[in-house]
Amino acid sequence: EPSDLSPGTPVPDEDSVVFSKLTYLGCAEVEALRMVSILRSQCQMPLDVTLSVPGVSEGTVRLLDPQTSTEIANYPIYKILFCVRGHDGTPESDCFAFTESHYNAEIFRIHVFRCEIQEA
C-alpha cells in the first residue's frame, strides 16, 4: 500500500499530472503561526462565533452567530489551502487558523480562531 512506502520509495503510477524541473523553497507554516500570535495578542474586538465544518470534502465551512445560528461567512472547502494549530505549551496553543484563497486566488486571507474549550 502507498501508506507503507517510506520517503524516497517510487510511488506506483496513478492518473496524475507530473511537474518536473521544480525546486522546493519551503513552506509558510511559520508565517501562519506568526499571524496567529499577532492576532491573538492584538485583536481589539474579538467576535464570538460558531464554526461549522462539514464531514465531506465537497462541503463549506460556515461561520455562524452563536446566538441566532445566522451565517456570517462561508468558505468552500476547495478554497481552504492550509490549516495550522498553535504549538502546545505556547500562548497560541488555544488557537488555530486556516488560509483561504479569495477572489479567484488573487488574494489569500488567514482566518484565526481562539478556542475556549482546550480539547476542541
Protein backbone atom coordinates (compact mmCIF):
# COMPACT_ATOMS: atom_id res chain seq x y z
CA GLU A 1 0.00 0.00 0.00
CA PRO A 2 1.20 3.56 -0.69
CA SER A 3 0.90 4.43 3.02
CA ASP A 4 3.56 1.80 3.74
CA LEU A 5 6.08 3.50 1.46
CA SER A 6 8.98 5.32 3.02
CA PRO A 7 10.25 8.65 1.63
CA GLY A 8 12.32 8.03 -1.47
CA THR A 9 10.36 4.92 -2.49
CA PRO A 10 8.99 5.34 -6.03
CA VAL A 11 5.23 5.84 -5.99
CA PRO A 12 3.24 3.50 -8.23
CA ASP A 13 1.84 5.10 -11.38
CA GLU A 14 -1.57 6.66 -10.99
CA ASP A 15 -3.73 9.00 -13.02
CA SER A 16 -1.93 12.27 -12.34
CA VAL A 17 -0.14 15.23 -13.89
CA VAL A 18 3.60 15.26 -13.19
CA PHE A 19 5.55 18.54 -12.96
CA SER A 20 9.32 18.24 -13.40
CA LYS A 21 12.26 20.63 -13.03
CA LEU A 22 10.92 22.26 -9.85
CA THR A 23 12.75 23.50 -6.77
CA TYR A 24 11.03 23.27 -3.39
CA LEU A 25 11.57 26.52 -1.47
CA GLY A 26 9.89 25.57 1.82
CA CYS A 27 6.54 26.17 3.44
CA ALA A 28 4.88 29.08 5.23
CA GLU A 29 3.69 27.44 8.45
CA VAL A 30 5.92 29.78 10.42
CA GLU A 31 4.26 32.78 8.79
CA ALA A 32 0.79 31.43 9.60
CA LEU A 33 1.82 30.81 13.21
CA ARG A 34 3.25 34.34 13.37
CA MET A 35 -0.12 35.72 12.26
CA VAL A 36 -1.88 33.61 14.91
CA SER A 37 0.40 35.12 17.56
CA ILE A 38 -0.09 38.68 16.30
CA LEU A 39 -3.87 38.48 16.01
CA ARG A 40 -4.23 36.67 19.36
CA SER A 41 -2.30 39.38 21.19
CA GLN A 42 -3.51 42.47 19.29
CA CYS A 43 -7.18 41.81 18.50
CA GLN A 44 -9.17 44.75 19.86
CA MET A 45 -12.67 43.46 19.16
CA PRO A 46 -12.88 39.66 19.11
CA LEU A 47 -16.11 38.25 17.72
CA ASP A 48 -17.70 35.18 19.31
CA VAL A 49 -18.62 32.70 16.58
CA THR A 50 -19.61 29.11 15.98
CA LEU A 51 -17.70 27.23 13.27
CA SER A 52 -19.47 24.54 11.26
CA VAL A 53 -17.07 22.17 9.48
CA PRO A 54 -18.52 19.62 7.07
CA GLY A 55 -17.60 15.96 7.18
CA VAL A 56 -17.13 15.78 3.39
CA SER A 57 -14.58 17.45 1.12
CA GLU A 58 -17.25 18.96 -1.13
CA GLY A 59 -18.77 20.98 1.72
CA THR A 60 -18.48 24.50 3.02
CA VAL A 61 -17.04 25.75 6.32
CA ARG A 62 -19.53 28.18 7.83
CA LEU A 63 -19.04 30.94 10.40
CA LEU A 64 -22.23 31.35 12.42
CA ASP A 65 -23.56 33.77 15.01
CA PRO A 66 -23.69 31.67 18.21
CA GLN A 67 -26.93 33.30 19.40
CA THR A 68 -29.01 33.07 16.22
CA SER A 69 -27.13 30.50 14.09
CA THR A 70 -27.21 33.08 11.28
CA GLU A 71 -24.41 32.61 8.76
CA ILE A 72 -21.78 35.35 8.97
CA ALA A 73 -19.46 33.98 6.28
CA ASN A 74 -18.72 30.78 4.41
CA TYR A 75 -15.63 29.20 2.88
CA PRO A 76 -15.89 26.34 0.37
CA ILE A 77 -13.50 23.55 1.32
CA TYR A 78 -11.79 23.70 -2.07
CA LYS A 79 -10.70 27.30 -1.30
CA ILE A 80 -9.07 26.38 2.03
CA LEU A 81 -5.39 25.96 1.31
CA PHE A 82 -3.70 25.42 4.65
CA CYS A 83 -4.57 24.83 8.30
CA VAL A 84 -2.36 25.34 11.35
CA ARG A 85 -2.74 24.93 15.11
CA GLY A 86 -0.78 26.77 17.80
CA HIS A 87 2.02 24.69 19.33
CA ASP A 88 1.43 23.03 22.72
CA GLY A 89 2.99 24.94 25.59
CA THR A 90 2.71 28.34 23.88
CA PRO A 91 0.12 31.08 24.44
CA GLU A 92 -1.20 30.20 20.96
CA SER A 93 -1.96 26.57 21.91
CA ASP A 94 -5.65 27.53 22.14
CA CYS A 95 -5.66 28.87 18.56
CA PHE A 96 -5.93 27.56 15.03
CA ALA A 97 -6.10 29.17 11.63
CA PHE A 98 -6.78 28.41 8.01
CA THR A 99 -5.69 30.14 4.83
CA GLU A 100 -8.29 30.74 2.15
CA SER A 101 -7.90 31.81 -1.46
CA HIS A 102 -10.12 34.81 -2.01
CA TYR A 103 -11.31 36.50 -5.21
CA ASN A 104 -10.09 33.98 -7.77
CA ALA A 105 -6.83 33.25 -5.89
CA GLU A 106 -5.54 36.81 -6.28
CA ILE A 107 -5.74 37.38 -2.51
CA PHE A 108 -5.04 34.98 0.34
CA ARG A 109 -6.51 35.51 3.80
CA ILE A 110 -5.58 33.85 7.09
CA HIS A 111 -8.55 33.36 9.41
CA VAL A 112 -7.51 32.96 13.06
CA PHE A 113 -9.65 31.49 15.85
CA ARG A 114 -9.16 31.07 19.60
CA CYS A 115 -10.98 28.18 21.23
CA GLU A 116 -12.12 28.32 24.86
CA ILE A 117 -12.51 24.53 25.02
CA GLN A 118 -8.96 23.14 25.09
CA GLU A 119 -9.96 19.65 23.88
CA ALA A 120 -11.79 21.05 20.85
